[in-house]
Amino acid sequence: MFVHFQPYSFPWPIVPLWKQTSLIGLTIPERNETCNAVRSRISRSLRVFWAGFPKNISFSPRQSPATLPLLKKNEKIALMVEKYRGRVLDPHYLGYFDYFNQQLFYEAHDVLENLWLPIRKDSEGPFYKGLIQLAGAFVHLQKERLHPAAALFKMSRTNLEQFAPTRSHLDVTHVLMLIDDWLNRLERDKFLVNPLTPAHAPRLELPGAFD
């Protein structure tokens, strides 16, 4: 005998897919039940199950990126940078530094990429690309990919060095020194030791930008 639950409704976050079978009451097929019959029953149960979800859900723009729903990428980034609006500098640019300094390097990469893509062929393109590559290098370090991290450090330095000494409130010369320092750490230990730890992570200062 099969046990079927009534339409189930609960608040966000969505229950992981691996738990859904228990929520909709799926059990071992009965004797003589065909595969097609099982598929049909599961399909009907899933339709009933998902019907219990609210159709319109709103989310706080200050929500952590890790807990945002499955939105389109541009919509997700718009929520991620909402709290930086209303200042002189672009909110994506400000968001980059805030996320970077929280060691959320992937998020920093994503928000600045959203600003860079439409202007990537303009004169400012290499500046933003260099910062994106810098965040990407630390994403590689977080994933223990030391050689790819070094490659991105070098590309970042190439793109940023033309903007020294400063650009858009950023001390580019200091950033270049930071890149060289992390490259030296990797090369000194022959790429056997990851220099990035939660207690020893980079910071980028943007004086006056968040006032």
Protein backbone atom coordinates (compact mmCIF):
# COMPACT_ATOMS: atom_id res chain seq x y z
CA MET A 1 0.00 0.00 0.00
CA PHE A 2 1.14 3.51 -0.76
CA VAL A 3 0.93 6.39 1.67
CA HIS A 4 0.20 9.78 0.10
CA PHE A 5 0.45 13.02 2.05
CA GLN A 6 -1.77 16.01 1.48
CA PRO A 7 -0.25 19.03 -0.36
CA TYR A 8 2.56 20.19 1.87
CA SER A 9 3.36 23.87 2.37
CA PHE A 10 6.31 25.27 4.26
CA PRO A 11 8.46 28.42 4.24
CA TRP A 12 11.76 28.93 2.42
CA PRO A 13 14.36 27.41 2.16
CA ILE A 14 13.25 24.60 -0.12
CA VAL A 15 13.74 21.16 1.36
CA PRO A 16 16.65 19.36 -0.35
CA LEU A 17 15.65 17.11 -3.21
CA TRP A 18 16.90 13.99 -1.44
CA LYS A 19 14.29 14.57 1.30
CA GLN A 20 11.35 15.10 -1.04
CA THR A 21 10.52 11.42 -1.44
CA SER A 22 9.66 11.14 2.25
CA LEU A 23 7.54 14.30 2.16
CA ILE A 24 5.38 13.12 -0.72
CA GLY A 25 5.04 9.61 0.60
CA LEU A 26 6.89 7.54 -1.98
CA THR A 27 7.51 3.95 -0.95
CA ILE A 28 8.68 0.72 -2.52
CA PRO A 29 6.47 -0.25 -5.52
CA GLU A 30 3.82 -2.86 -5.01
CA ARG A 31 4.13 -6.27 -6.60
CA ASN A 32 3.20 -6.29 -10.30
CA GLU A 33 3.30 -2.49 -10.57
CA THR A 34 4.94 -1.55 -13.85
CA CYS A 35 7.75 0.99 -14.23
CA ASN A 36 5.45 3.29 -16.20
CA ALA A 37 2.89 3.17 -13.42
CA VAL A 38 5.56 4.08 -10.87
CA ARG A 39 6.76 7.00 -13.01
CA SER A 40 3.19 8.23 -13.47
CA ARG A 41 2.48 8.05 -9.74
CA ILE A 42 5.69 9.89 -8.85
CA SER A 43 4.93 12.59 -11.43
CA ARG A 44 1.43 13.13 -10.00
CA SER A 45 2.76 13.22 -6.45
CA LEU A 46 5.43 15.77 -7.32
CA ARG A 47 2.87 18.05 -8.98
CA VAL A 48 0.75 17.94 -5.85
CA PHE A 49 3.83 18.45 -3.67
CA TRP A 50 5.08 21.56 -5.50
CA ALA A 51 1.57 23.01 -5.65
CA GLY A 52 1.87 23.65 -1.93
CA PHE A 53 4.65 26.21 -2.39
CA PRO A 54 3.88 29.94 -2.26
CA LYS A 55 4.12 31.52 -5.70
CA ASN A 56 5.46 34.92 -4.68
CA ILE A 57 8.36 35.13 -2.25
CA SER A 58 10.23 38.33 -1.43
CA PHE A 59 13.79 38.45 -0.09
CA SER A 60 15.73 41.02 1.86
CA PRO A 61 18.48 42.74 -0.15
CA ARG A 62 20.74 42.25 2.87
CA GLN A 63 20.38 38.49 2.76
CA SER A 64 23.61 36.50 2.61
CA PRO A 65 24.47 35.50 -0.99
CA ALA A 66 24.65 31.87 0.11
CA THR A 67 20.96 31.91 1.14
CA LEU A 68 19.54 33.70 -1.88
CA PRO A 69 17.01 31.66 -3.90
CA LEU A 70 17.60 30.32 -7.38
CA LEU A 71 17.21 33.63 -9.18
CA LYS A 72 18.64 34.65 -12.51
CA LYS A 73 22.22 35.79 -12.03
CA ASN A 74 21.51 39.49 -12.71
CA GLU A 75 18.60 39.49 -10.26
CA LYS A 76 20.73 37.85 -7.58
CA ILE A 77 23.53 40.37 -8.06
CA ALA A 78 21.05 43.26 -7.91
CA LEU A 79 20.02 42.05 -4.45
CA MET A 80 23.64 41.58 -3.41
CA VAL A 81 24.59 45.21 -4.21
CA GLU A 82 21.37 46.90 -3.09
CA LYS A 83 22.80 48.11 0.22
CA TYR A 84 25.66 49.93 -1.57
CA ARG A 85 23.41 52.15 -3.66
CA GLY A 86 23.17 55.89 -3.06
CA ARG A 87 26.91 56.54 -2.82
CA VAL A 88 29.26 58.27 -5.24
CA LEU A 89 30.87 55.08 -6.56
CA ASP A 90 29.08 52.31 -8.41
CA PRO A 91 27.41 49.80 -6.01
CA HIS A 92 29.01 46.85 -7.85
CA TYR A 93 32.44 48.37 -7.29
CA LEU A 94 31.74 48.96 -3.60
CA GLY A 95 30.23 45.50 -3.25
CA TYR A 96 33.41 44.00 -4.66
CA PHE A 97 35.56 45.40 -1.85
CA ASP A 98 33.07 44.57 0.88
CA TYR A 99 32.72 40.95 -0.21
CA PHE A 100 36.46 40.65 -0.85
CA ASN A 101 37.26 41.77 2.70
CA GLN A 102 34.79 39.21 4.06
CA GLN A 103 36.76 36.52 2.19
CA LEU A 104 33.75 36.02 -0.11
CA PHE A 105 35.99 36.10 -3.15
CA TYR A 106 33.58 34.33 -5.50
CA GLU A 107 30.84 36.86 -4.70
CA ALA A 108 33.31 39.73 -5.15
CA HIS A 109 34.23 38.33 -8.55
CA ASP A 110 30.58 38.04 -9.59
CA VAL A 111 29.40 41.51 -8.58
CA LEU A 112 32.29 43.29 -10.31
CA GLU A 113 31.99 41.13 -13.41
CA ASN A 114 28.44 42.43 -13.75
CA LEU A 115 29.84 45.97 -13.94
CA TRP A 116 32.77 45.04 -16.21
CA LEU A 117 31.00 43.05 -18.94
CA PRO A 118 29.17 45.98 -20.63
CA ILE A 119 32.33 48.14 -20.64
CA ARG A 120 35.02 45.49 -21.04
CA LYS A 121 36.30 47.07 -24.28
CA ASP A 122 36.47 50.59 -22.82
CA SER A 123 39.60 52.16 -21.35
CA GLU A 124 38.46 51.20 -17.83
CA GLY A 125 37.94 47.56 -18.83
CA PRO A 126 41.41 46.27 -17.83
CA PHE A 127 41.12 47.93 -14.41
CA TYR A 128 37.97 46.03 -13.49
CA LYS A 129 39.24 42.88 -15.18
CA GLY A 130 42.40 42.98 -13.08
CA LEU A 131 40.36 43.22 -9.87
CA ILE A 132 38.11 40.38 -11.02
CA GLN A 133 41.18 38.24 -11.71
CA LEU A 134 42.56 39.10 -8.28
CA ALA A 135 39.41 37.81 -6.59
CA GLY A 136 39.51 34.77 -8.88
CA ALA A 137 43.06 34.00 -7.74
CA PHE A 138 41.88 33.80 -4.15
CA VAL A 139 38.95 31.62 -5.18
CA HIS A 140 41.55 29.20 -6.58
CA LEU A 141 43.48 29.33 -3.31
CA GLN A 142 40.30 28.54 -1.38
CA LYS A 143 39.96 25.47 -3.60
CA GLU A 144 43.63 24.50 -3.16
CA ARG A 145 44.44 25.25 -6.81
CA LEU A 146 47.80 26.90 -6.25
CA HIS A 147 49.18 26.98 -9.80
CA PRO A 148 45.97 28.44 -11.36
CA ALA A 149 45.96 31.03 -8.56
CA ALA A 150 49.49 32.11 -9.48
CA ALA A 151 48.52 32.41 -13.14
CA LEU A 152 45.61 34.70 -12.26
CA PHE A 153 47.78 36.79 -9.94
CA LYS A 154 50.11 37.45 -12.88
CA MET A 155 47.27 38.34 -15.25
CA SER A 156 45.77 40.63 -12.63
CA ARG A 157 49.07 42.43 -12.17
CA THR A 158 49.42 42.93 -15.94
CA ASN A 159 45.98 44.51 -16.16
CA LEU A 160 46.31 46.69 -13.07
CA GLU A 161 49.83 48.06 -13.40
CA GLN A 162 48.80 50.55 -16.10
CA PHE A 163 46.47 52.22 -13.59
CA ALA A 164 49.05 52.91 -10.89
CA PRO A 165 49.38 54.78 -8.64
CA THR A 166 45.66 55.27 -7.90
CA ARG A 167 42.33 54.82 -9.60
CA SER A 168 38.77 55.20 -8.27
CA HIS A 169 39.86 55.65 -4.60
CA LEU A 170 42.05 52.55 -4.83
CA ASP A 171 45.78 52.56 -4.13
CA VAL A 172 46.74 50.45 -7.15
CA THR A 173 50.43 50.50 -6.20
CA HIS A 174 49.54 48.84 -2.90
CA VAL A 175 47.45 46.22 -4.74
CA LEU A 176 50.42 45.42 -6.99
CA MET A 177 52.60 44.94 -3.91
CA LEU A 178 49.94 42.66 -2.43
CA ILE A 179 49.91 40.56 -5.60
CA ASP A 180 53.70 40.25 -5.58
CA ASP A 181 53.65 39.24 -1.92
CA TRP A 182 51.17 36.40 -2.49
CA LEU A 183 53.03 35.25 -5.59
CA ASN A 184 56.29 35.18 -3.64
CA ARG A 185 54.68 33.10 -0.91
CA LEU A 186 53.52 30.51 -3.43
CA GLU A 187 56.84 30.36 -5.27
CA ARG A 188 58.94 30.34 -2.10
CA ASP A 189 57.21 27.18 -0.91
CA LYS A 190 57.33 25.65 -4.40
CA PHE A 191 53.52 25.56 -4.54
CA LEU A 192 53.40 23.00 -1.74
CA VAL A 193 51.86 25.24 0.92
CA ASN A 194 48.69 27.27 0.58
CA PRO A 195 49.37 30.69 2.16
CA LEU A 196 45.67 31.54 2.46
CA THR A 197 43.99 30.81 5.78
CA PRO A 198 40.96 32.43 7.44
CA ALA A 199 43.33 34.12 9.88
CA HIS A 200 45.69 35.29 7.15
CA ALA A 201 43.66 36.72 4.31
CA PRO A 202 44.08 39.84 2.13
CA ARG A 203 42.26 43.12 2.59
CA LEU A 204 41.73 45.94 0.13
CA GLU A 205 41.17 49.45 1.45
CA LEU A 206 39.02 52.02 -0.30
CA PRO A 207 39.38 55.19 1.83
CA GLY A 208 36.27 57.34 2.03
CA ALA A 209 34.25 55.25 -0.39
CA PHE A 210 31.83 53.89 2.20
CA ASP A 211 31.28 57.16 4.07
